[in-house]
Amino acid sequence: MSGFKVAKQFFEACEAGEGWDGCQEFVADDAVFAAQSEPIVDIKTVKDYAEWMKQMGSETLKGASYTLHSIAWDEDKRCAFVFCYFSRGSLR
């Protein structure tokens, strides 16, 4: 499976709130996570981030959604870039 496809499937599973159960097939068990955003600055693993997203989607921001605008893949760096708009309510 291509890196681009793995990145996109991971993003979709994570944003859908599937937690680690839905994301682990796309990520190494010991994958690290880093962020500058205050609510998640202390999260250090992708596993913990996936579980945080699950909690956010099922409890804290239940009913929230996103619109994917763009996704790109850099094969040399094996890195994905995703641009989306996150909304707590209706986009209309």
PDB file of N, CA and C in Angstrom:
ATOM      1  N   MET A   1       0.848  -1.169   0.000  1.00  0.00           N
ATOM      2  CA  MET A   1       0.000   0.000   0.000  1.00  0.00           C
ATOM      3  C   MET A   1       0.898   1.238   0.000  1.00  0.00           C
ATOM      4  N   SER A   2       0.525   2.239  -0.785  1.00  0.00           N
ATOM      5  CA  SER A   2       1.355   3.441  -0.900  1.00  0.00           C
ATOM      6  C   SER A   2       1.324   4.257   0.394  1.00  0.00           C
ATOM      7  N   GLY A   3       2.374   5.021   0.599  1.00  0.00           N
ATOM      8  CA  GLY A   3       2.441   5.909   1.758  1.00  0.00           C
ATOM      9  C   GLY A   3       1.295   6.896   1.783  1.00  0.00           C
ATOM     10  N   PHE A   4       0.943   7.406   0.620  1.00  0.00           N
ATOM     11  CA  PHE A   4      -0.161   8.360   0.526  1.00  0.00           C
ATOM     12  C   PHE A   4      -1.462   7.716   1.003  1.00  0.00           C
ATOM     13  N   LYS A   5      -1.721   6.497   0.553  1.00  0.00           N
ATOM     14  CA  LYS A   5      -2.960   5.810   0.930  1.00  0.00           C
ATOM     15  C   LYS A   5      -2.996   5.526   2.436  1.00  0.00           C
ATOM     16  N   VAL A   6      -1.869   5.105   2.994  1.00  0.00           N
ATOM     17  CA  VAL A   6      -1.788   4.846   4.432  1.00  0.00           C
ATOM     18  C   VAL A   6      -2.052   6.135   5.210  1.00  0.00           C
ATOM     19  N   ALA A   7      -1.424   7.224   4.799  1.00  0.00           N
ATOM     20  CA  ALA A   7      -1.612   8.506   5.490  1.00  0.00           C
ATOM     21  C   ALA A   7      -3.067   8.947   5.447  1.00  0.00           C
ATOM     22  N   LYS A   8      -3.693   8.811   4.289  1.00  0.00           N
ATOM     23  CA  LYS A   8      -5.088   9.224   4.142  1.00  0.00           C
ATOM     24  C   LYS A   8      -6.014   8.344   4.980  1.00  0.00           C
ATOM     25  N   GLN A   9      -5.778   7.052   4.979  1.00  0.00           N
ATOM     26  CA  GLN A   9      -6.615   6.156   5.772  1.00  0.00           C
ATOM     27  C   GLN A   9      -6.426   6.397   7.275  1.00  0.00           C
ATOM     28  N   PHE A  10      -5.186   6.667   7.674  1.00  0.00           N
ATOM     29  CA  PHE A  10      -4.950   6.995   9.085  1.00  0.00           C
ATOM     30  C   PHE A  10      -5.702   8.270   9.454  1.00  0.00           C
ATOM     31  N   PHE A  11      -5.580   9.300   8.639  1.00  0.00           N
ATOM     32  CA  PHE A  11      -6.255  10.573   8.914  1.00  0.00           C
ATOM     33  C   PHE A  11      -7.766  10.363   9.046  1.00  0.00           C
ATOM     34  N   GLU A  12      -8.347   9.642   8.113  1.00  0.00           N
ATOM     35  CA  GLU A  12      -9.790   9.419   8.131  1.00  0.00           C
ATOM     36  C   GLU A  12     -10.223   8.640   9.376  1.00  0.00           C
ATOM     37  N   ALA A  13      -9.469   7.621   9.757  1.00  0.00           N
ATOM     38  CA  ALA A  13      -9.803   6.838  10.951  1.00  0.00           C
ATOM     39  C   ALA A  13      -9.663   7.682  12.215  1.00  0.00           C
ATOM     40  N   CYS A  14      -8.613   8.458  12.272  1.00  0.00           N
ATOM     41  CA  CYS A  14      -8.375   9.289  13.448  1.00  0.00           C
ATOM     42  C   CYS A  14      -9.458  10.363  13.579  1.00  0.00           C
ATOM     43  N   GLU A  15      -9.752  11.050  12.498  1.00  0.00           N
ATOM     44  CA  GLU A  15     -10.761  12.110  12.533  1.00  0.00           C
ATOM     45  C   GLU A  15     -12.172  11.564  12.739  1.00  0.00           C
ATOM     46  N   ALA A  16     -12.406  10.333  12.377  1.00  0.00           N
ATOM     47  CA  ALA A  16     -13.718   9.717  12.590  1.00  0.00           C
ATOM     48  C   ALA A  16     -13.892   9.256  14.038  1.00  0.00           C
ATOM     49  N   GLY A  17     -12.825   9.387  14.835  1.00  0.00           N
ATOM     50  CA  GLY A  17     -12.913   9.011  16.239  1.00  0.00           C
ATOM     51  C   GLY A  17     -12.850   7.522  16.485  1.00  0.00           C
ATOM     52  N   GLU A  18     -12.146   6.806  15.619  1.00  0.00           N
ATOM     53  CA  GLU A  18     -12.037   5.356  15.774  1.00  0.00           C
ATOM     54  C   GLU A  18     -11.027   4.950  16.840  1.00  0.00           C
ATOM     55  N   GLY A  19     -10.297   5.916  17.377  1.00  0.00           N
ATOM     56  CA  GLY A  19      -9.321   5.615  18.415  1.00  0.00           C
ATOM     57  C   GLY A  19      -8.186   4.742  17.916  1.00  0.00           C
ATOM     58  N   TRP A  20      -7.440   4.203  18.856  1.00  0.00           N
ATOM     59  CA  TRP A  20      -6.287   3.385  18.500  1.00  0.00           C
ATOM     60  C   TRP A  20      -6.705   2.122  17.760  1.00  0.00           C
ATOM     61  N   ASP A  21      -7.869   1.566  18.105  1.00  0.00           N
ATOM     62  CA  ASP A  21      -8.333   0.353  17.422  1.00  0.00           C
ATOM     63  C   ASP A  21      -8.457   0.565  15.919  1.00  0.00           C
ATOM     64  N   GLY A  22      -8.905   1.736  15.504  1.00  0.00           N
ATOM     65  CA  GLY A  22      -9.081   2.021  14.090  1.00  0.00           C
ATOM     66  C   GLY A  22      -7.847   2.565  13.399  1.00  0.00           C
ATOM     67  N   CYS A  23      -6.874   3.014  14.192  1.00  0.00           N
ATOM     68  CA  CYS A  23      -5.681   3.657  13.627  1.00  0.00           C
ATOM     69  C   CYS A  23      -4.427   2.794  13.654  1.00  0.00           C
ATOM     70  N   GLN A  24      -4.366   1.808  14.528  1.00  0.00           N
ATOM     71  CA  GLN A  24      -3.109   1.105  14.781  1.00  0.00           C
ATOM     72  C   GLN A  24      -2.542   0.368  13.570  1.00  0.00           C
ATOM     73  N   GLU A  25      -3.392  -0.036  12.637  1.00  0.00           N
ATOM     74  CA  GLU A  25      -2.862  -0.749  11.469  1.00  0.00           C
ATOM     75  C   GLU A  25      -2.062   0.165  10.543  1.00  0.00           C
ATOM     76  N   PHE A  26      -2.183   1.488  10.723  1.00  0.00           N
ATOM     77  CA  PHE A  26      -1.506   2.454   9.859  1.00  0.00           C
ATOM     78  C   PHE A  26      -0.271   3.080  10.500  1.00  0.00           C
ATOM     79  N   VAL A  27       0.016   2.719  11.768  1.00  0.00           N
ATOM     80  CA  VAL A  27       1.058   3.410  12.537  1.00  0.00           C
ATOM     81  C   VAL A  27       1.911   2.393  13.292  1.00  0.00           C
ATOM     82  N   ALA A  28       3.191   2.661  13.407  1.00  0.00           N
ATOM     83  CA  ALA A  28       4.057   1.818  14.235  1.00  0.00           C
ATOM     84  C   ALA A  28       3.625   1.940  15.693  1.00  0.00           C
ATOM     85  N   ASP A  29       3.728   0.860  16.440  1.00  0.00           N
ATOM     86  CA  ASP A  29       3.285   0.850  17.843  1.00  0.00           C
ATOM     87  C   ASP A  29       3.942   1.939  18.683  1.00  0.00           C
ATOM     88  N   ASP A  30       5.180   2.261  18.376  1.00  0.00           N
ATOM     89  CA  ASP A  30       5.915   3.242  19.182  1.00  0.00           C
ATOM     90  C   ASP A  30       5.998   4.623  18.517  1.00  0.00           C
ATOM     91  N   ALA A  31       5.081   4.918  17.592  1.00  0.00           N
ATOM     92  CA  ALA A  31       5.105   6.197  16.877  1.00  0.00           C
ATOM     93  C   ALA A  31       4.932   7.364  17.850  1.00  0.00           C
ATOM     94  N   VAL A  32       5.784   8.363  17.693  1.00  0.00           N
ATOM     95  CA  VAL A  32       5.728   9.528  18.577  1.00  0.00           C
ATOM     96  C   VAL A  32       4.798  10.595  18.002  1.00  0.00           C
ATOM     97  N   PHE A  33       4.351  11.469  18.867  1.00  0.00           N
ATOM     98  CA  PHE A  33       3.445  12.556  18.504  1.00  0.00           C
ATOM     99  C   PHE A  33       3.968  13.822  19.159  1.00  0.00           C
ATOM    100  N   ALA A  34       3.881  14.934  18.439  1.00  0.00           N
ATOM    101  CA  ALA A  34       4.268  16.229  19.002  1.00  0.00           C
ATOM    102  C   ALA A  34       3.336  17.294  18.455  1.00  0.00           C
ATOM    103  N   ALA A  35       2.990  18.238  19.309  1.00  0.00           N
ATOM    104  CA  ALA A  35       2.118  19.338  18.901  1.00  0.00           C
ATOM    105  C   ALA A  35       2.463  20.579  19.709  1.00  0.00           C
ATOM    106  N   GLN A  36       2.140  21.726  19.160  1.00  0.00           N
ATOM    107  CA  GLN A  36       2.334  22.985  19.862  1.00  0.00           C
ATOM    108  C   GLN A  36       1.021  23.520  20.412  1.00  0.00           C
ATOM    109  N   SER A  37      -0.082  22.887  20.063  1.00  0.00           N
ATOM    110  CA  SER A  37      -1.405  23.313  20.508  1.00  0.00           C
ATOM    111  C   SER A  37      -1.580  22.983  21.994  1.00  0.00           C
ATOM    112  N   GLU A  38      -1.935  23.968  22.776  1.00  0.00           N
ATOM    113  CA  GLU A  38      -2.011  23.820  24.231  1.00  0.00           C
ATOM    114  C   GLU A  38      -2.797  22.604  24.727  1.00  0.00           C
ATOM    115  N   PRO A  39      -3.964  22.288  24.183  1.00  0.00           N
ATOM    116  CA  PRO A  39      -4.699  21.149  24.750  1.00  0.00           C
ATOM    117  C   PRO A  39      -4.006  19.798  24.574  1.00  0.00           C
ATOM    118  N   ILE A  40      -3.102  19.700  23.600  1.00  0.00           N
ATOM    119  CA  ILE A  40      -2.493  18.392  23.330  1.00  0.00           C
ATOM    120  C   ILE A  40      -0.970  18.409  23.422  1.00  0.00           C
ATOM    121  N   VAL A  41      -0.418  19.443  23.995  1.00  0.00           N
ATOM    122  CA  VAL A  41       1.039  19.567  24.063  1.00  0.00           C
ATOM    123  C   VAL A  41       1.676  18.438  24.892  1.00  0.00           C
ATOM    124  N   ASP A  42       0.938  17.868  25.837  1.00  0.00           N
ATOM    125  CA  ASP A  42       1.490  16.811  26.681  1.00  0.00           C
ATOM    126  C   ASP A  42       1.308  15.409  26.109  1.00  0.00           C
ATOM    127  N   ILE A  43       0.609  15.285  24.996  1.00  0.00           N
ATOM    128  CA  ILE A  43       0.440  13.979  24.360  1.00  0.00           C
ATOM    129  C   ILE A  43       1.736  13.646  23.615  1.00  0.00           C
ATOM    130  N   LYS A  44       2.274  12.464  23.860  1.00  0.00           N
ATOM    131  CA  LYS A  44       3.592  12.103  23.318  1.00  0.00           C
ATOM    132  C   LYS A  44       3.584  10.928  22.345  1.00  0.00           C
ATOM    133  N   THR A  45       2.448  10.218  22.220  1.00  0.00           N
ATOM    134  CA  THR A  45       2.397   9.086  21.298  1.00  0.00           C
ATOM    135  C   THR A  45       1.193   9.221  20.369  1.00  0.00           C
ATOM    136  N   VAL A  46       1.291   8.637  19.189  1.00  0.00           N
ATOM    137  CA  VAL A  46       0.165   8.645  18.253  1.00  0.00           C
ATOM    138  C   VAL A  46      -0.999   7.856  18.855  1.00  0.00           C
ATOM    139  N   LYS A  47      -0.690   6.799  19.572  1.00  0.00           N
ATOM    140  CA  LYS A  47      -1.737   6.011  20.232  1.00  0.00           C
ATOM    141  C   LYS A  47      -2.557   6.894  21.170  1.00  0.00           C
ATOM    142  N   ASP A  48      -1.891   7.682  22.002  1.00  0.00           N
ATOM    143  CA  ASP A  48      -2.607   8.558  22.936  1.00  0.00           C
ATOM    144  C   ASP A  48      -3.371   9.660  22.201  1.00  0.00           C
ATOM    145  N   TYR A  49      -2.811  10.157  21.096  1.00  0.00           N
ATOM    146  CA  TYR A  49      -3.525  11.166  20.314  1.00  0.00           C
ATOM    147  C   TYR A  49      -4.793  10.571  19.692  1.00  0.00           C
ATOM    148  N   ALA A  50      -4.703   9.366  19.160  1.00  0.00           N
ATOM    149  CA  ALA A  50      -5.875   8.718  18.567  1.00  0.00           C
ATOM    150  C   ALA A  50      -6.961   8.515  19.617  1.00  0.00           C
ATOM    151  N   GLU A  51      -6.574   8.145  20.818  1.00  0.00           N
ATOM    152  CA  GLU A  51      -7.549   7.971  21.889  1.00  0.00           C
ATOM    153  C   GLU A  51      -8.136   9.316  22.324  1.00  0.00           C
ATOM    154  N   TRP A  52      -7.325  10.367  22.330  1.00  0.00           N
ATOM    155  CA  TRP A  52      -7.814  11.712  22.650  1.00  0.00           C
ATOM    156  C   TRP A  52      -8.843  12.155  21.621  1.00  0.00           C
ATOM    157  N   MET A  53      -8.543  11.911  20.344  1.00  0.00           N
ATOM    158  CA  MET A  53      -9.483  12.264  19.277  1.00  0.00           C
ATOM    159  C   MET A  53     -10.787  11.472  19.414  1.00  0.00           C
ATOM    160  N   LYS A  54     -10.696  10.214  19.815  1.00  0.00           N
ATOM    161  CA  LYS A  54     -11.888   9.404  20.018  1.00  0.00           C
ATOM    162  C   LYS A  54     -12.769  10.033  21.103  1.00  0.00           C
ATOM    163  N   GLN A  55     -12.151  10.427  22.194  1.00  0.00           N
ATOM    164  CA  GLN A  55     -12.891  11.052  23.288  1.00  0.00           C
ATOM    165  C   GLN A  55     -13.496  12.383  22.847  1.00  0.00           C
ATOM    166  N   MET A  56     -12.748  13.164  22.103  1.00  0.00           N
ATOM    167  CA  MET A  56     -13.253  14.455  21.628  1.00  0.00           C
ATOM    168  C   MET A  56     -14.477  14.256  20.735  1.00  0.00           C
ATOM    169  N   GLY A  57     -14.413  13.306  19.831  1.00  0.00           N
ATOM    170  CA  GLY A  57     -15.496  13.091  18.886  1.00  0.00           C
ATOM    171  C   GLY A  57     -16.729  12.430  19.470  1.00  0.00           C
ATOM    172  N   SER A  58     -16.532  11.625  20.516  1.00  0.00           N
ATOM    173  CA  SER A  58     -17.677  10.906  21.083  1.00  0.00           C
ATOM    174  C   SER A  58     -18.278  11.599  22.297  1.00  0.00           C
ATOM    175  N   GLU A  59     -17.529  12.530  22.904  1.00  0.00           N
ATOM    176  CA  GLU A  59     -18.039  13.184  24.106  1.00  0.00           C
ATOM    177  C   GLU A  59     -17.941  14.707  24.016  1.00  0.00           C
ATOM    178  N   THR A  60     -16.749  15.226  24.048  1.00  0.00           N
ATOM    179  CA  THR A  60     -16.530  16.660  24.154  1.00  0.00           C
ATOM    180  C   THR A  60     -17.129  17.445  22.993  1.00  0.00           C
ATOM    181  N   LEU A  61     -16.879  17.013  21.781  1.00  0.00           N
ATOM    182  CA  LEU A  61     -17.367  17.715  20.589  1.00  0.00           C
ATOM    183  C   LEU A  61     -18.257  16.811  19.745  1.00  0.00           C
ATOM    184  N   LYS A  62     -19.125  16.089  20.402  1.00  0.00           N
ATOM    185  CA  LYS A  62     -20.008  15.155  19.704  1.00  0.00           C
ATOM    186  C   LYS A  62     -20.767  15.883  18.593  1.00  0.00           C
ATOM    187  N   GLY A  63     -20.780  15.303  17.405  1.00  0.00           N
ATOM    188  CA  GLY A  63     -21.458  15.894  16.264  1.00  0.00           C
ATOM    189  C   GLY A  63     -20.570  16.804  15.428  1.00  0.00           C
ATOM    190  N   ALA A  64     -19.339  17.011  15.851  1.00  0.00           N
ATOM    191  CA  ALA A  64     -18.423  17.839  15.069  1.00  0.00           C
ATOM    192  C   ALA A  64     -18.059  17.129  13.771  1.00  0.00           C
ATOM    193  N   SER A  65     -17.617  17.910  12.800  1.00  0.00           N
ATOM    194  CA  SER A  65     -17.251  17.321  11.512  1.00  0.00           C
ATOM    195  C   SER A  65     -16.091  18.093  10.903  1.00  0.00           C
ATOM    196  N   TYR A  66     -15.596  17.584   9.792  1.00  0.00           N
ATOM    197  CA  TYR A  66     -14.536  18.290   9.072  1.00  0.00           C
ATOM    198  C   TYR A  66     -14.794  18.192   7.580  1.00  0.00           C
ATOM    199  N   THR A  67     -14.255  19.150   6.878  1.00  0.00           N
ATOM    200  CA  THR A  67     -14.282  19.134   5.421  1.00  0.00           C
ATOM    201  C   THR A  67     -12.838  19.083   4.948  1.00  0.00           C
ATOM    202  N   LEU A  68     -12.480  18.038   4.252  1.00  0.00           N
ATOM    203  CA  LEU A  68     -11.126  17.878   3.734  1.00  0.00           C
ATOM    204  C   LEU A  68     -10.968  18.734   2.487  1.00  0.00           C
ATOM    205  N   HIS A  69     -10.021  19.658   2.527  1.00  0.00           N
ATOM    206  CA  HIS A  69      -9.768  20.538   1.389  1.00  0.00           C
ATOM    207  C   HIS A  69      -8.608  20.038   0.530  1.00  0.00           C
ATOM    208  N   SER A  70      -7.577  19.494   1.187  1.00  0.00           N
ATOM    209  CA  SER A  70      -6.400  19.090   0.429  1.00  0.00           C
ATOM    210  C   SER A  70      -5.583  18.092   1.239  1.00  0.00           C
ATOM    211  N   ILE A  71      -4.985  17.151   0.535  1.00  0.00           N
ATOM    212  CA  ILE A  71      -4.041  16.241   1.156  1.00  0.00           C
ATOM    213  C   ILE A  71      -2.905  16.023   0.153  1.00  0.00           C
ATOM    214  N   ALA A  72      -1.685  16.086   0.651  1.00  0.00           N
ATOM    215  CA  ALA A  72      -0.514  15.936  -0.211  1.00  0.00           C
ATOM    216  C   ALA A  72       0.460  14.963   0.439  1.00  0.00           C
ATOM    217  N   TRP A  73       1.281  14.355  -0.375  1.00  0.00           N
ATOM    218  CA  TRP A  73       2.259  13.373   0.084  1.00  0.00           C
ATOM    219  C   TRP A  73       3.619  13.693  -0.498  1.00  0.00           C
ATOM    220  N   ASP A  74       4.634  13.760   0.348  1.00  0.00           N
ATOM    221  CA  ASP A  74       6.017  13.964  -0.075  1.00  0.00           C
ATOM    222  C   ASP A  74       6.719  12.619   0.042  1.00  0.00           C
ATOM    223  N   GLU A  75       6.946  11.981  -1.089  1.00  0.00           N
ATOM    224  CA  GLU A  75       7.538  10.645  -1.099  1.00  0.00           C
ATOM    225  C   GLU A  75       8.956  10.647  -0.544  1.00  0.00           C
ATOM    226  N   ASP A  76       9.750  11.679  -0.850  1.00  0.00           N
ATOM    227  CA  ASP A  76      11.125  11.738  -0.356  1.00  0.00           C
ATOM    228  C   ASP A  76      11.185  11.777   1.170  1.00  0.00           C
ATOM    229  N   LYS A  77      10.306  12.535   1.770  1.00  0.00           N
ATOM    230  CA  LYS A  77      10.296  12.676   3.233  1.00  0.00           C
ATOM    231  C   LYS A  77       9.312  11.732   3.906  1.00  0.00           C
ATOM    232  N   ARG A  78       8.500  11.039   3.078  1.00  0.00           N
ATOM    233  CA  ARG A  78       7.461  10.143   3.575  1.00  0.00           C
ATOM    234  C   ARG A  78       6.604  10.869   4.614  1.00  0.00           C
ATOM    235  N   CYS A  79       6.091  12.004   4.162  1.00  0.00           N
ATOM    236  CA  CYS A  79       5.353  12.906   5.029  1.00  0.00           C
ATOM    237  C   CYS A  79       4.067  13.358   4.343  1.00  0.00           C
ATOM    238  N   ALA A  80       2.980  13.390   5.103  1.00  0.00           N
ATOM    239  CA  ALA A  80       1.702  13.854   4.562  1.00  0.00           C
ATOM    240  C   ALA A  80       1.364  15.222   5.131  1.00  0.00           C
ATOM    241  N   PHE A  81       0.671  16.002   4.333  1.00  0.00           N
ATOM    242  CA  PHE A  81       0.150  17.302   4.755  1.00  0.00           C
ATOM    243  C   PHE A  81      -1.339  17.290   4.465  1.00  0.00           C
ATOM    244  N   VAL A  82      -2.135  17.604   5.484  1.00  0.00           N
ATOM    245  CA  VAL A  82      -3.588  17.593   5.339  1.00  0.00           C
ATOM    246  C   VAL A  82      -4.121  18.963   5.737  1.00  0.00           C
ATOM    247  N   PHE A  83      -4.987  19.509   4.898  1.00  0.00           N
ATOM    248  CA  PHE A  83      -5.649  20.775   5.200  1.00  0.00           C
ATOM    249  C   PHE A  83      -7.145  20.520   5.227  1.00  0.00           C
ATOM    250  N   CYS A  84      -7.748  20.786   6.371  1.00  0.00           N
ATOM    251  CA  CYS A  84      -9.187  20.596   6.486  1.00  0.00           C
ATOM    252  C   CYS A  84      -9.778  21.692   7.364  1.00  0.00           C
ATOM    253  N   TYR A  85     -11.075  21.831   7.271  1.00  0.00           N
ATOM    254  CA  TYR A  85     -11.813  22.784   8.079  1.00  0.00           C
ATOM    255  C   TYR A  85     -12.620  21.985   9.087  1.00  0.00           C
ATOM    256  N   PHE A  86     -12.410  22.263  10.368  1.00  0.00           N
ATOM    257  CA  PHE A  86     -13.088  21.576  11.451  1.00  0.00           C
ATOM    258  C   PHE A  86     -14.238  22.436  11.945  1.00  0.00           C
ATOM    259  N   SER A  87     -15.374  21.819  12.181  1.00  0.00           N
ATOM    260  CA  SER A  87     -16.555  22.568  12.617  1.00  0.00           C
ATOM    261  C   SER A  87     -17.262  21.828  13.735  1.00  0.00           C
ATOM    262  N   ARG A  88     -17.673  22.579  14.749  1.00  0.00           N
ATOM    263  CA  ARG A  88     -18.445  21.993  15.847  1.00  0.00           C
ATOM    264  C   ARG A  88     -19.907  21.883  15.506  1.00  0.00           C
ATOM    265  N   GLY A  89     -20.356  22.581  14.467  1.00  0.00           N
ATOM    266  CA  GLY A  89     -21.765  22.562  14.095  1.00  0.00           C
ATOM    267  C   GLY A  89     -21.929  22.454  12.599  1.00  0.00           C
ATOM    268  N   SER A  90     -23.059  22.808  12.140  1.00  0.00           N
ATOM    269  CA  SER A  90     -23.353  22.747  10.700  1.00  0.00           C
ATOM    270  C   SER A  90     -22.478  23.734   9.944  1.00  0.00           C
ATOM    271  N   LEU A  91     -22.046  23.337   8.759  1.00  0.00           N
ATOM    272  CA  LEU A  91     -21.241  24.220   7.921  1.00  0.00           C
ATOM    273  C   LEU A  91     -22.130  25.156   7.109  1.00  0.00           C
ATOM    274  N   ARG A  92     -23.407  25.035   7.189  1.00  0.00           N
ATOM    275  CA  ARG A  92     -24.330  25.876   6.433  1.00  0.00           C
ATOM    276  C   ARG A  92     -24.845  27.013   7.254  1.00  0.00           C
TER     277      ARG A  92
END
